[in-house]
Amino acid sequence: MVYLGNQIQALNDYSREAICWLGVKLKGRKTKLNSTGYSCGNPSCYSCEKSNIRSGIDQAFRDLFTEDIMKKLIESKPKELKDLNDTLKSQFTSLRGKTAKDFKENANKIFVKSGYSDWFSKDETLGEKWNYRLARLLNIHTCTYCNREYVFVIRNPNKGKGMVSQFDHWFPKNDYPLLALSFYNLIPSCGTCNGIKASVKLDLDDHLHPYVHSNISNAYQFSFLPKTNKENYIVFKNNNSMFNTKGIDTVNALNLPLIYKGHSDKELQDLIDLRYKYSDNYLNILLENTFKGINISKEERYRLIFGIEIEEDNYHKRIFSKFKRDIINQLLSIKN
């Protein structure tokens, strides 16, 4: 797993347009005939000038959203998002005849169907769909959860389908449709992890969040155990007492042991062969003597030899960085 940081620049760029889009969809554009409508005050803002109110939304639901609430809904961190969702639902259901089902249906109409499925994933009004724009702003190169698949942003020059990360909703949009457009609830991931995560419900009390826990990559450790004399398999170890078992519990919830199982006889075996097949200290020879006499850093040696990054902040740049670093460290620690 990879820590995503605060991503302030990406947050600001995304928030500015997301709030305007949401404001107009809930309140309508501010005009002479609609003085209570929404406007950010920027005459060149497409949403405020060209977009229209979303029909079919309960007025009592619309009334929940002041400008301050809309801003919080887009920009708040996960704990505050969960609390805001619960507060707004409680306010709505306290009204006569309004139910939790009504709240969810209204939220789904505007935040999931109009918002995430259309505006975020399909709308090219401003030249590029927001899923591409957000992925480019975040600049995360591998899946946040598994670090074993690249999630590059590649546009098709002929405007056909390109390549972009999927965005997992940490609070699932099926259960929390209100949070479908919230910045810190959109996690860049590969298709495999997003598919697995769709059936998993995580919570902040028992699991780690990539926008909350800065030490998430060190909360667990890759290791291996022998299966036979010629076979080994990858295991995960709890590695950080400050999180208790949150790290390994999150790993298991995301099914990373199963996802990595197929790499036991490939990437794992390759590293083990380097340690044992060629000479007793072949890994050390590679790392210490290959570039002898050349002024080259430890990070550069690992990158050139193994194709990985060894600094936690850079794990996302190359696949298998966390996995290979942990395994190599274990192999180097084994005495003859």
Protein backbone atom coordinates (compact mmCIF):
# COMPACT_ATOMS: atom_id res chain seq x y z
CA MET A 1 0.00 0.00 0.00
CA VAL A 2 1.14 3.53 -0.73
CA TYR A 3 0.63 6.76 1.21
CA LEU A 4 -0.88 9.40 -1.08
CA GLY A 5 -0.07 12.50 0.98
CA ASN A 6 -2.33 15.56 1.20
CA GLN A 7 -2.18 16.34 -2.55
CA ILE A 8 -3.05 19.99 -1.90
CA GLN A 9 -2.62 21.22 -5.48
CA ALA A 10 -4.73 18.40 -6.88
CA LEU A 11 -7.32 19.01 -4.16
CA ASN A 12 -7.54 22.73 -4.97
CA ASP A 13 -7.91 22.19 -8.72
CA TYR A 14 -10.48 19.43 -8.31
CA SER A 15 -12.42 21.14 -5.53
CA ARG A 16 -12.84 24.39 -7.42
CA GLU A 17 -14.71 22.73 -10.29
CA ALA A 18 -16.42 19.97 -8.28
CA ILE A 19 -18.03 22.49 -5.90
CA CYS A 20 -19.26 24.64 -8.79
CA TRP A 21 -20.72 21.64 -10.59
CA LEU A 22 -22.40 20.41 -7.42
CA GLY A 23 -23.67 23.86 -6.46
CA VAL A 24 -25.43 24.34 -9.80
CA LYS A 25 -26.86 20.81 -9.81
CA LEU A 26 -28.35 21.34 -6.35
CA LYS A 27 -29.30 25.02 -6.45
CA GLY A 28 -29.45 25.88 -10.13
CA ARG A 29 -27.50 28.72 -11.76
CA LYS A 30 -27.75 32.09 -10.08
CA THR A 31 -29.79 34.39 -12.32
CA LYS A 32 -32.23 37.28 -11.98
CA LEU A 33 -35.02 34.73 -11.81
CA ASN A 34 -33.12 32.46 -9.40
CA SER A 35 -31.46 34.68 -6.83
CA THR A 36 -30.81 31.71 -4.52
CA GLY A 37 -28.94 29.81 -7.22
CA TYR A 38 -25.22 29.09 -7.14
CA SER A 39 -22.40 31.08 -8.65
CA CYS A 40 -18.71 31.10 -7.83
CA GLY A 41 -18.40 34.59 -9.28
CA ASN A 42 -16.06 33.60 -12.10
CA PRO A 43 -17.67 34.57 -15.44
CA SER A 44 -15.57 31.97 -17.28
CA CYS A 45 -16.67 29.07 -15.04
CA TYR A 46 -18.43 26.57 -17.30
CA SER A 47 -20.64 25.03 -14.61
CA CYS A 48 -21.82 28.36 -13.23
CA GLU A 49 -22.54 29.73 -16.71
CA LYS A 50 -23.67 26.72 -18.74
CA SER A 51 -24.72 23.84 -16.49
CA ASN A 52 -28.26 23.28 -15.24
CA ILE A 53 -30.01 22.11 -12.09
CA ARG A 54 -30.49 18.34 -11.62
CA SER A 55 -34.17 17.51 -11.79
CA GLY A 56 -35.92 14.88 -9.70
CA ILE A 57 -34.21 15.75 -6.41
CA ASP A 58 -36.25 16.22 -3.22
CA GLN A 59 -36.23 19.89 -2.20
CA ALA A 60 -35.64 18.91 1.44
CA PHE A 61 -32.51 17.10 0.28
CA ARG A 62 -31.32 20.14 -1.68
CA ASP A 63 -31.85 22.35 1.36
CA LEU A 64 -29.27 20.36 3.35
CA PHE A 65 -26.45 21.81 1.26
CA THR A 66 -25.15 25.26 2.09
CA GLU A 67 -21.99 26.43 0.33
CA ASP A 68 -20.02 25.51 3.45
CA ILE A 69 -21.48 21.98 3.50
CA MET A 70 -20.71 21.46 -0.19
CA LYS A 71 -17.13 22.57 0.37
CA LYS A 72 -16.73 20.23 3.33
CA LEU A 73 -18.25 17.37 1.35
CA ILE A 74 -15.66 17.72 -1.41
CA GLU A 75 -12.60 18.63 0.68
CA SER A 76 -12.86 16.96 4.10
CA LYS A 77 -10.60 14.14 5.24
CA PRO A 78 -12.14 10.64 5.69
CA LYS A 79 -13.11 10.87 9.38
CA GLU A 80 -14.88 14.19 8.83
CA LEU A 81 -16.54 12.83 5.68
CA LYS A 82 -18.05 9.91 7.56
CA ASP A 83 -19.31 12.22 10.31
CA LEU A 84 -20.75 14.66 7.75
CA ASN A 85 -22.56 11.87 5.94
CA ASP A 86 -24.12 10.67 9.19
CA THR A 87 -25.08 14.20 10.26
CA LEU A 88 -26.79 15.08 6.98
CA LYS A 89 -28.64 11.77 6.90
CA SER A 90 -29.82 12.34 10.48
CA GLN A 91 -31.00 15.85 9.62
CA PHE A 92 -32.92 14.60 6.58
CA THR A 93 -34.57 11.64 8.31
CA SER A 94 -35.66 13.87 11.21
CA LEU A 95 -38.03 15.59 8.80
CA ARG A 96 -41.56 14.27 8.64
CA GLY A 97 -41.97 11.44 6.14
CA LYS A 98 -38.28 11.32 5.14
CA THR A 99 -36.46 7.99 5.40
CA ALA A 100 -32.90 6.72 5.13
CA LYS A 101 -33.93 5.07 1.86
CA ASP A 102 -35.06 8.45 0.50
CA PHE A 103 -31.75 10.00 1.54
CA LYS A 104 -29.76 7.29 -0.20
CA GLU A 105 -31.86 7.46 -3.38
CA ASN A 106 -31.46 11.23 -3.69
CA ALA A 107 -27.72 11.01 -2.99
CA ASN A 108 -27.36 8.27 -5.57
CA LYS A 109 -29.15 10.29 -8.26
CA ILE A 110 -26.94 13.32 -8.01
CA PHE A 111 -23.60 12.14 -6.59
CA VAL A 112 -23.28 8.74 -8.26
CA LYS A 113 -25.32 8.82 -11.46
CA SER A 114 -25.00 12.50 -12.44
CA GLY A 115 -21.73 13.02 -10.60
CA TYR A 116 -19.34 10.10 -10.62
CA SER A 117 -20.76 8.14 -13.57
CA ASP A 118 -21.30 11.13 -15.87
CA TRP A 119 -19.51 14.34 -14.88
CA PHE A 120 -16.42 12.67 -13.40
CA SER A 121 -16.05 9.69 -15.76
CA LYS A 122 -17.59 10.79 -19.09
CA ASP A 123 -17.92 14.57 -19.43
CA GLU A 124 -15.32 16.04 -21.82
CA THR A 125 -16.79 19.56 -21.86
CA LEU A 126 -13.51 21.07 -20.68
CA GLY A 127 -11.38 18.97 -23.01
CA GLU A 128 -10.54 16.06 -20.70
CA LYS A 129 -12.65 13.85 -18.48
CA TRP A 130 -12.13 14.44 -14.77
CA ASN A 131 -10.94 10.89 -14.08
CA TYR A 132 -8.03 11.55 -16.45
CA ARG A 133 -7.46 15.03 -15.05
CA LEU A 134 -7.45 13.89 -11.43
CA ALA A 135 -5.15 10.94 -12.18
CA ARG A 136 -2.75 13.32 -13.92
CA LEU A 137 -2.84 15.77 -11.00
CA LEU A 138 -2.22 13.04 -8.41
CA ASN A 139 0.70 11.68 -10.46
CA ILE A 140 0.57 8.23 -8.84
CA HIS A 141 2.15 5.68 -11.18
CA THR A 142 1.16 2.35 -9.60
CA CYS A 143 -1.90 0.97 -7.82
CA THR A 144 -2.21 2.47 -4.35
CA TYR A 145 -3.24 -0.86 -2.85
CA CYS A 146 -1.03 -3.53 -4.46
CA ASN A 147 1.89 -1.64 -6.08
CA ARG A 148 2.07 -4.44 -8.68
CA GLU A 149 0.31 -2.78 -11.64
CA TYR A 150 1.05 0.51 -13.38
CA VAL A 151 -1.79 3.04 -13.62
CA PHE A 152 -0.29 5.49 -16.10
CA VAL A 153 -2.36 8.21 -17.73
CA ILE A 154 -2.19 7.86 -21.51
CA ARG A 155 -4.54 9.78 -23.79
CA ASN A 156 -5.54 8.38 -27.17
CA PRO A 157 -4.66 11.09 -29.74
CA ASN A 158 -7.76 10.12 -31.74
CA LYS A 159 -9.98 10.67 -28.66
CA GLY A 160 -10.61 6.95 -28.30
CA LYS A 161 -10.24 5.02 -25.07
CA GLY A 162 -6.93 5.68 -23.36
CA MET A 163 -5.29 4.34 -20.21
CA VAL A 164 -6.04 5.69 -16.75
CA SER A 165 -6.29 4.43 -13.19
CA GLN A 166 -9.61 3.32 -11.83
CA PHE A 167 -10.83 5.18 -8.75
CA ASP A 168 -11.90 3.09 -5.79
CA HIS A 169 -14.28 4.61 -3.28
CA TRP A 170 -12.79 3.82 0.14
CA PHE A 171 -16.24 4.38 1.59
CA PRO A 172 -18.15 2.36 -1.04
CA LYS A 173 -20.47 4.45 -3.18
CA ASN A 174 -23.16 1.77 -2.87
CA ASP A 175 -23.28 2.39 0.89
CA TYR A 176 -22.19 6.03 0.93
CA PRO A 177 -23.40 7.58 -2.34
CA LEU A 178 -23.10 11.04 -0.79
CA LEU A 179 -19.29 10.61 -0.78
CA ALA A 180 -18.96 9.53 -4.42
CA LEU A 181 -17.26 12.81 -5.44
CA SER A 182 -15.31 13.50 -2.23
CA PHE A 183 -11.64 14.03 -3.06
CA TYR A 184 -10.18 11.95 -0.23
CA ASN A 185 -12.57 9.09 -0.97
CA LEU A 186 -11.24 8.59 -4.51
CA ILE A 187 -8.28 6.18 -4.43
CA PRO A 188 -6.31 5.55 -7.68
CA SER A 189 -6.14 1.78 -8.13
CA CYS A 190 -5.83 -1.02 -10.65
CA GLY A 191 -8.84 -2.96 -11.94
CA THR A 192 -8.01 -6.03 -9.86
CA CYS A 193 -7.88 -4.18 -6.54
CA ASN A 194 -10.88 -2.03 -7.36
CA GLY A 195 -12.88 -5.16 -8.15
CA ILE A 196 -11.87 -6.83 -4.88
CA LYS A 197 -12.41 -3.68 -2.83
CA ALA A 198 -15.96 -3.34 -4.23
CA SER A 199 -17.05 -6.23 -2.01
CA VAL A 200 -15.07 -5.11 1.06
CA LYS A 201 -16.20 -2.70 3.75
CA LEU A 202 -13.35 -0.99 5.55
CA ASP A 203 -13.62 1.32 8.53
CA LEU A 204 -11.18 3.80 10.04
CA ASP A 205 -11.17 2.07 13.44
CA ASP A 206 -9.81 -1.21 12.10
CA HIS A 207 -8.11 -0.42 8.79
CA LEU A 208 -5.54 1.95 7.30
CA HIS A 209 -6.41 4.68 4.80
CA PRO A 210 -3.91 5.85 2.13
CA TYR A 211 -4.78 9.51 2.68
CA VAL A 212 -4.65 9.28 6.49
CA HIS A 213 -1.81 7.00 7.60
CA SER A 214 1.55 8.31 6.46
CA ASN A 215 3.36 5.14 7.58
CA ILE A 216 1.03 2.80 5.72
CA SER A 217 3.79 1.13 3.68
CA ASN A 218 5.66 0.16 6.84
CA ALA A 219 2.63 -1.21 8.66
CA TYR A 220 3.31 -4.66 7.18
CA GLN A 221 6.25 -6.54 5.71
CA PHE A 222 6.64 -8.96 2.83
CA SER A 223 8.44 -12.16 3.71
CA PHE A 224 8.63 -15.74 2.45
CA LEU A 225 8.57 -19.28 3.73
CA PRO A 226 9.79 -22.50 2.11
CA LYS A 227 7.11 -24.82 0.77
CA THR A 228 9.52 -27.49 -0.48
CA ASN A 229 13.25 -27.56 -1.15
CA LYS A 230 12.63 -25.80 -4.47
CA GLU A 231 9.45 -23.85 -3.77
CA ASN A 232 8.72 -20.85 -1.58
CA TYR A 233 5.66 -18.73 -0.99
CA ILE A 234 5.06 -15.09 -0.10
CA VAL A 235 3.72 -14.22 3.34
CA PHE A 236 2.79 -10.94 5.03
CA LYS A 237 3.91 -10.00 8.53
CA ASN A 238 2.58 -7.38 10.89
CA ASN A 239 5.34 -4.80 11.16
CA ASN A 240 4.28 -1.81 13.23
CA SER A 241 3.04 -1.91 16.80
CA MET A 242 1.69 1.67 16.59
CA PHE A 243 -1.07 0.35 14.32
CA ASN A 244 -1.60 -2.86 16.33
CA THR A 245 -2.93 -5.23 13.65
CA LYS A 246 -4.45 -2.57 11.37
CA GLY A 247 -1.78 -3.05 8.71
CA ILE A 248 -2.13 -6.80 8.35
CA ASP A 249 -5.91 -6.58 8.74
CA THR A 250 -6.03 -4.13 5.83
CA VAL A 251 -3.75 -6.34 3.74
CA ASN A 252 -6.03 -9.31 4.34
CA ALA A 253 -9.20 -7.31 3.67
CA LEU A 254 -7.77 -6.23 0.31
CA ASN A 255 -6.85 -9.87 -0.40
CA LEU A 256 -3.23 -8.98 -1.13
CA PRO A 257 -1.97 -12.45 -0.08
CA LEU A 258 -4.04 -14.00 -2.87
CA ILE A 259 -3.10 -11.28 -5.36
CA TYR A 260 0.61 -11.85 -4.68
CA LYS A 261 0.38 -15.64 -4.61
CA GLY A 262 1.05 -15.89 -8.33
CA HIS A 263 4.35 -14.06 -7.94
CA SER A 264 5.91 -16.66 -5.64
CA ASP A 265 7.39 -18.66 -8.52
CA LYS A 266 8.34 -15.57 -10.51
CA GLU A 267 9.54 -12.37 -8.82
CA LEU A 268 10.17 -14.08 -5.47
CA GLN A 269 12.00 -17.04 -6.99
CA ASP A 270 14.15 -14.74 -9.13
CA LEU A 271 15.40 -12.92 -6.03
CA ILE A 272 16.00 -16.16 -4.13
CA ASP A 273 17.97 -17.52 -7.09
CA LEU A 274 20.16 -14.42 -7.06
CA ARG A 275 20.92 -15.06 -3.40
CA TYR A 276 21.63 -18.80 -3.59
CA LYS A 277 22.06 -20.16 -7.10
CA TYR A 278 25.07 -18.23 -8.32
CA SER A 279 27.22 -17.59 -5.27
CA ASP A 280 26.87 -17.18 -1.54
CA ASN A 281 27.00 -13.39 -1.73
CA TYR A 282 25.77 -12.63 -5.24
CA LEU A 283 23.23 -10.04 -4.06
CA ASN A 284 25.99 -8.19 -2.23
CA ILE A 285 28.20 -8.37 -5.29
CA LEU A 286 25.45 -6.87 -7.43
CA LEU A 287 24.71 -4.06 -5.02
CA GLU A 288 28.22 -3.22 -3.87
CA ASN A 289 30.58 -4.07 -6.73
CA THR A 290 28.63 -3.62 -9.96
CA PHE A 291 29.16 0.13 -9.96
CA LYS A 292 32.41 0.17 -8.02
CA GLY A 293 34.34 3.35 -8.61
CA ILE A 294 31.26 5.19 -9.87
CA ASN A 295 29.62 7.85 -7.72
CA ILE A 296 26.13 6.37 -7.62
CA SER A 297 23.64 6.36 -4.76
CA LYS A 298 22.06 3.35 -3.09
CA GLU A 299 18.69 4.37 -4.55
CA GLU A 300 20.15 4.47 -8.07
CA ARG A 301 21.79 1.04 -7.62
CA TYR A 302 18.48 -0.56 -6.63
CA ARG A 303 16.68 1.21 -9.48
CA LEU A 304 19.19 0.11 -12.13
CA ILE A 305 19.62 -3.47 -10.90
CA PHE A 306 16.13 -4.37 -9.72
CA GLY A 307 13.95 -1.71 -11.36
CA ILE A 308 12.51 -0.51 -8.04
CA GLU A 309 12.47 2.49 -5.74
CA ILE A 310 13.63 2.03 -2.15
CA GLU A 311 12.41 5.32 -0.67
CA GLU A 312 8.90 4.95 0.75
CA ASP A 313 7.72 8.20 -0.85
CA ASN A 314 8.76 6.84 -4.25
CA TYR A 315 7.35 3.30 -4.03
CA HIS A 316 4.46 4.35 -6.28
CA LYS A 317 6.80 5.13 -9.18
CA ARG A 318 7.74 1.50 -9.94
CA ILE A 319 5.86 -1.75 -9.50
CA PHE A 320 6.93 -4.25 -6.82
CA SER A 321 9.10 -1.66 -5.03
CA LYS A 322 7.84 -2.41 -1.53
CA PHE A 323 7.76 -6.17 -2.15
CA LYS A 324 11.26 -6.45 -3.63
CA ARG A 325 12.86 -4.17 -1.08
CA ASP A 326 11.46 -6.21 1.83
CA ILE A 327 12.49 -9.54 0.27
CA ILE A 328 15.99 -8.32 -0.68
CA ASN A 329 16.56 -7.02 2.88
CA GLN A 330 15.53 -10.41 4.25
CA LEU A 331 17.79 -12.29 1.84
CA LEU A 332 20.75 -10.06 2.66
CA SER A 333 20.22 -10.68 6.39
CA ILE A 334 20.42 -14.49 6.01
CA LYS A 335 23.82 -15.82 7.01
CA ASN A 336 25.39 -18.85 5.34
